[in-house]
Amino acid sequence: MNLQQYNSWVFDLDGTLTEPVHDFVHIRNELGIPANADILCYIDQAAPEDKCTMLERLDELERHYAALAHPAEGALELLEQLHNVNCCLGILTRNTRELALLSLEAIGAEGYFDSEFVLGRDESQPKPSPDGIKILLNQWNRLPSSGVMVGDFEFDLISGKQAGVKTIHVDKADRHWPEVTDLRFSTLSELVKQLK
């Protein structure tokens, strides 16, 4: 896989461009969500009067974690390299756009992304849906064959596969989803080396 041929790059944010800081056990406990339940799906299925309260509290918790964000190893170097060869760069996150922009600012990466290319849960169906990737490719007037989805979790990779783009799993943990992964690296620094 010759990575230089791809010019449309979509990134997950938390745990991919940033070091993982979210404590999902704490978030679930704060919201009264069972262990291992998908947080957004659980909230979406809640009664209307509970849903609003839960989303407000989720925003508060995510704002806290956004402020703690630090760049993942190799993240800024990778973005600079892709920016220098005029790649389209987008973010697809299950957070809100506002909080994603705060995280990008916290890690010093806000200059690489136009805000309209930062899609949160209010701009598209949340991953594992491929909708966000399709929206970005449409905004860029690019075909799926030009695209790459980079993420640290299965939902990122599923969304990429369903959108018809190549998928890159970046993860230091011993987690593998080979059926939806085209390439796997432990760090973004390893990915940078493959682009040189």
Protein backbone atom coordinates (compact mmCIF):
# COMPACT_ATOMS: atom_id res chain seq x y z
CA MET A 1 0.00 0.00 0.00
CA ASN A 2 1.65 3.19 -1.24
CA LEU A 3 0.45 5.83 1.20
CA GLN A 4 1.71 8.73 -0.92
CA GLN A 5 -1.10 8.14 -3.42
CA TYR A 6 -3.81 9.07 -0.90
CA ASN A 7 -4.72 12.74 -0.55
CA SER A 8 -7.89 12.65 1.59
CA TRP A 9 -7.17 11.87 5.23
CA VAL A 10 -9.82 11.53 7.94
CA PHE A 11 -8.76 11.14 11.56
CA ASP A 12 -10.40 10.03 14.73
CA LEU A 13 -9.38 12.46 17.45
CA ASP A 14 -9.30 11.03 20.99
CA GLY A 15 -6.72 8.29 21.30
CA THR A 16 -5.55 8.78 17.72
CA LEU A 17 -4.29 12.36 17.33
CA THR A 18 -4.34 12.79 21.10
CA GLU A 19 -3.03 10.58 23.84
CA PRO A 20 -5.97 8.72 25.41
CA VAL A 21 -7.33 10.74 28.35
CA HIS A 22 -11.01 9.80 28.47
CA ASP A 23 -12.00 7.69 31.45
CA PHE A 24 -15.00 5.90 29.98
CA VAL A 25 -15.68 3.99 33.20
CA HIS A 26 -16.00 7.32 35.02
CA ILE A 27 -18.18 8.78 32.25
CA ARG A 28 -20.53 5.78 32.35
CA ASN A 29 -20.70 5.94 36.15
CA GLU A 30 -21.49 9.66 36.08
CA LEU A 31 -24.27 9.10 33.55
CA GLY A 32 -25.63 5.88 35.07
CA ILE A 33 -24.78 3.86 31.97
CA PRO A 34 -24.01 0.13 32.30
CA ALA A 35 -20.43 -1.05 31.84
CA ASN A 36 -19.45 -1.67 28.20
CA ALA A 37 -22.65 -0.06 26.86
CA ASP A 38 -22.17 2.31 23.92
CA ILE A 39 -22.55 5.73 25.56
CA LEU A 40 -24.18 7.55 22.63
CA CYS A 41 -26.53 4.68 21.79
CA TYR A 42 -27.61 4.38 25.41
CA ILE A 43 -28.32 8.11 25.66
CA ASP A 44 -30.15 8.10 22.32
CA GLN A 45 -32.51 5.40 23.61
CA ALA A 46 -33.20 7.17 26.91
CA ALA A 47 -36.49 8.88 27.68
CA PRO A 48 -36.62 12.42 26.25
CA GLU A 49 -36.50 14.09 29.68
CA ASP A 50 -33.41 12.04 30.63
CA LYS A 51 -31.69 12.36 27.26
CA CYS A 52 -31.28 16.14 27.49
CA THR A 53 -29.83 15.97 31.01
CA MET A 54 -27.46 13.16 30.06
CA LEU A 55 -26.19 15.00 26.98
CA GLU A 56 -25.56 18.15 29.01
CA ARG A 57 -23.56 16.18 31.58
CA LEU A 58 -21.67 14.34 28.82
CA ASP A 59 -20.69 17.70 27.32
CA GLU A 60 -19.38 18.83 30.72
CA LEU A 61 -17.31 15.67 31.12
CA GLU A 62 -15.96 15.82 27.57
CA ARG A 63 -15.05 19.50 27.99
CA HIS A 64 -12.97 18.50 31.02
CA TYR A 65 -11.13 15.83 29.02
CA ALA A 66 -10.68 18.08 25.97
CA ALA A 67 -8.71 20.54 28.11
CA LEU A 68 -6.36 17.72 29.18
CA ALA A 69 -5.50 16.66 25.62
CA HIS A 70 -1.88 16.13 24.59
CA PRO A 71 -0.70 15.25 21.07
CA ALA A 72 -0.07 11.60 20.36
CA GLU A 73 3.46 10.61 19.40
CA GLY A 74 4.06 11.74 15.82
CA ALA A 75 0.69 13.48 15.42
CA LEU A 76 1.94 16.99 14.65
CA GLU A 77 4.72 15.73 12.41
CA LEU A 78 2.22 13.64 10.44
CA LEU A 79 -0.22 16.53 10.03
CA GLU A 80 2.58 18.85 8.92
CA GLN A 81 3.78 16.32 6.37
CA LEU A 82 0.29 15.78 4.92
CA HIS A 83 -0.42 19.53 4.95
CA ASN A 84 2.80 20.21 3.04
CA VAL A 85 1.69 17.98 0.16
CA ASN A 86 -1.79 19.58 0.05
CA CYS A 87 -3.80 16.67 1.41
CA CYS A 88 -7.35 17.30 2.55
CA LEU A 89 -7.54 16.79 6.32
CA GLY A 90 -10.66 16.10 8.35
CA ILE A 91 -11.75 14.95 11.79
CA LEU A 92 -14.56 12.50 12.48
CA THR A 93 -15.36 12.21 16.18
CA ARG A 94 -18.17 11.02 18.40
CA ASN A 95 -17.67 14.19 20.48
CA THR A 96 -19.19 17.52 19.53
CA ARG A 97 -17.47 19.76 16.99
CA GLU A 98 -16.97 22.44 19.65
CA LEU A 99 -15.11 20.06 21.94
CA ALA A 100 -13.11 18.60 19.08
CA LEU A 101 -11.93 22.11 18.19
CA LEU A 102 -10.93 22.65 21.84
CA SER A 103 -8.90 19.42 21.78
CA LEU A 104 -7.21 20.40 18.52
CA GLU A 105 -6.28 23.75 20.05
CA ALA A 106 -4.97 22.04 23.19
CA ILE A 107 -2.60 19.87 21.13
CA GLY A 108 -1.53 22.67 18.78
CA ALA A 109 -3.17 21.16 15.70
CA GLU A 110 -6.04 23.58 15.10
CA GLY A 111 -4.23 25.20 12.13
CA TYR A 112 -4.37 21.98 10.10
CA PHE A 113 -8.17 21.67 10.05
CA ASP A 114 -10.88 23.97 8.71
CA SER A 115 -13.71 23.88 11.23
CA GLU A 116 -16.18 22.78 8.53
CA PHE A 117 -14.07 19.63 8.09
CA VAL A 118 -14.33 18.75 11.80
CA LEU A 119 -17.44 16.59 12.09
CA GLY A 120 -18.90 15.66 15.44
CA ARG A 121 -21.98 13.75 16.48
CA ASP A 122 -24.23 16.67 15.49
CA GLU A 123 -22.87 16.97 11.93
CA SER A 124 -23.12 13.30 10.94
CA GLN A 125 -24.29 9.94 12.20
CA PRO A 126 -21.74 8.76 14.80
CA LYS A 127 -19.19 6.11 13.90
CA PRO A 128 -19.38 3.24 13.04
CA SER A 129 -21.64 4.87 10.44
CA PRO A 130 -19.70 5.84 7.29
CA ASP A 131 -21.76 9.02 6.84
CA GLY A 132 -19.13 11.43 8.18
CA ILE A 133 -16.44 10.14 5.84
CA LYS A 134 -18.83 10.37 2.90
CA ILE A 135 -19.72 13.94 3.85
CA LEU A 136 -16.04 14.94 3.97
CA LEU A 137 -15.22 13.27 0.64
CA ASN A 138 -18.20 15.06 -0.91
CA GLN A 139 -17.06 18.41 0.52
CA TRP A 140 -13.61 17.82 -0.93
CA ASN A 141 -14.99 16.49 -4.24
CA ARG A 142 -12.85 13.37 -3.82
CA LEU A 143 -13.51 9.70 -4.51
CA PRO A 144 -13.27 7.03 -1.79
CA SER A 145 -10.24 5.61 -3.62
CA SER A 146 -8.31 8.72 -2.56
CA GLY A 147 -9.24 8.37 1.11
CA VAL A 148 -7.83 7.02 4.34
CA MET A 149 -9.47 6.70 7.76
CA VAL A 150 -7.05 6.66 10.70
CA GLY A 151 -8.24 5.55 14.12
CA ASP A 152 -7.54 3.61 17.28
CA PHE A 153 -10.83 1.78 17.68
CA GLU A 154 -13.00 -0.69 15.79
CA PHE A 155 -15.72 1.89 15.09
CA ASP A 156 -13.20 4.07 13.21
CA LEU A 157 -12.15 1.16 11.02
CA ILE A 158 -15.69 -0.05 10.35
CA SER A 159 -16.73 3.44 9.26
CA GLY A 160 -13.76 3.59 6.90
CA LYS A 161 -14.44 0.20 5.37
CA GLN A 162 -18.11 0.99 4.87
CA ALA A 163 -17.19 4.30 3.21
CA GLY A 164 -14.84 2.51 0.81
CA VAL A 165 -11.60 4.14 2.01
CA LYS A 166 -8.39 2.53 3.25
CA THR A 167 -8.16 2.04 7.01
CA ILE A 168 -5.18 2.52 9.30
CA HIS A 169 -5.33 1.25 12.88
CA VAL A 170 -2.94 3.10 15.21
CA ASP A 171 -2.78 1.58 18.66
CA LYS A 172 -0.14 0.72 21.26
CA ALA A 173 -2.57 -1.70 22.92
CA ASP A 174 -2.84 -5.31 21.86
CA ARG A 175 -6.15 -4.87 20.06
CA HIS A 176 -6.68 -6.10 16.52
CA TRP A 177 -9.54 -5.94 14.04
CA PRO A 178 -7.90 -7.42 10.92
CA GLU A 179 -11.14 -7.76 8.95
CA VAL A 180 -11.50 -3.96 8.83
CA THR A 181 -7.81 -2.95 8.93
CA ASP A 182 -5.59 -2.33 5.90
CA LEU A 183 -2.50 -1.20 7.83
CA ARG A 184 -1.61 -1.19 11.50
CA PHE A 185 0.98 0.88 13.37
CA SER A 186 1.76 1.23 17.05
CA THR A 187 2.26 5.00 16.76
CA LEU A 188 1.72 7.81 14.29
CA SER A 189 5.51 8.19 14.19
CA GLU A 190 5.67 4.79 12.48
CA LEU A 191 3.10 6.01 9.98
CA VAL A 192 5.18 9.12 9.30
CA LYS A 193 8.14 6.92 8.35
CA GLN A 194 5.98 5.07 5.82
CA LEU A 195 5.10 8.36 4.14
CA LYS A 196 8.72 9.44 3.61
